Amino acid sequence: MKLVSFHYAGPNETLIFINPEHVVAVRPFPNTTHIYVSALQNHGGPSYYPVRETIDDVVKRLSG
């Protein structure tokens, strides 16, 4: 299993680790990038992690 680290875009500068095999989409926003994963939230909505890296950096890290 490969894990890629990202800086969580929340109140604390926490490192999170995401398995690229579980990523289904990435979406850029003005100050963050959302990484959507295959696990669903409690209410059936998509799960995502907002990170501080740019969309280009996220795609590069997940693809590498």
Protein backbone atom coordinates (compact mmCIF):
# COMPACT_ATOMS: atom_id res chain seq x y z
CA MET A 1 0.00 0.00 0.00
CA LYS A 2 1.31 3.41 -0.97
CA LEU A 3 0.43 6.47 1.14
CA VAL A 4 0.96 10.05 0.01
CA SER A 5 1.19 12.91 2.52
CA PHE A 6 -0.68 16.21 2.21
CA HIS A 7 -1.21 19.25 4.44
CA TYR A 8 -4.81 19.25 5.68
CA ALA A 9 -6.50 22.60 5.03
CA GLY A 10 -8.03 23.03 8.46
CA PRO A 11 -7.41 25.00 11.63
CA ASN A 12 -4.35 22.87 12.41
CA GLU A 13 -1.50 22.20 9.99
CA THR A 14 -1.93 18.44 10.19
CA LEU A 15 -0.32 16.00 7.80
CA ILE A 16 -2.73 13.46 6.37
CA PHE A 17 -1.90 10.35 4.37
CA ILE A 18 -4.03 9.20 1.44
CA ASN A 19 -3.86 5.95 -0.51
CA PRO A 20 -3.91 6.95 -4.21
CA GLU A 21 -5.85 3.77 -5.06
CA HIS A 22 -8.85 5.17 -3.14
CA VAL A 23 -8.92 8.56 -4.88
CA VAL A 24 -11.81 9.01 -7.30
CA ALA A 25 -11.52 12.74 -8.08
CA VAL A 26 -9.68 15.96 -7.28
CA ARG A 27 -11.16 19.44 -7.51
CA PRO A 28 -9.42 22.82 -7.24
CA PHE A 29 -10.75 25.69 -5.16
CA PRO A 30 -9.23 29.16 -4.64
CA ASN A 31 -7.18 28.26 -1.54
CA THR A 32 -7.43 24.48 -1.39
CA THR A 33 -7.76 21.32 -3.41
CA HIS A 34 -10.33 18.70 -2.46
CA ILE A 35 -9.31 15.06 -2.76
CA TYR A 36 -12.37 12.82 -3.05
CA VAL A 37 -12.02 9.21 -1.92
CA SER A 38 -14.15 6.11 -2.50
CA ALA A 39 -15.43 5.88 1.10
CA LEU A 40 -18.81 7.53 1.68
CA GLN A 41 -19.80 9.78 4.57
CA ASN A 42 -22.47 8.79 7.11
CA HIS A 43 -25.26 10.25 4.98
CA GLY A 44 -24.07 8.70 1.74
CA GLY A 45 -22.37 11.82 0.41
CA PRO A 46 -18.86 11.78 -1.03
CA SER A 47 -15.91 11.91 1.35
CA TYR A 48 -13.20 14.41 0.61
CA TYR A 49 -10.15 15.94 2.22
CA PRO A 50 -9.35 19.62 1.68
CA VAL A 51 -5.59 20.07 1.34
CA ARG A 52 -3.32 23.10 0.95
CA GLU A 53 -1.41 21.80 -2.08
CA THR A 54 -2.30 23.04 -5.57
CA ILE A 55 -4.21 20.85 -8.00
CA ASP A 56 -1.05 20.32 -10.07
CA ASP A 57 0.93 19.23 -7.02
CA VAL A 58 -1.85 16.89 -5.87
CA VAL A 59 -2.11 15.20 -9.26
CA LYS A 60 1.67 14.87 -9.50
CA ARG A 61 1.97 13.32 -6.03
CA LEU A 62 -0.93 10.92 -6.55
CA SER A 63 0.35 9.85 -9.97
CA GLY A 64 3.99 9.47 -8.94
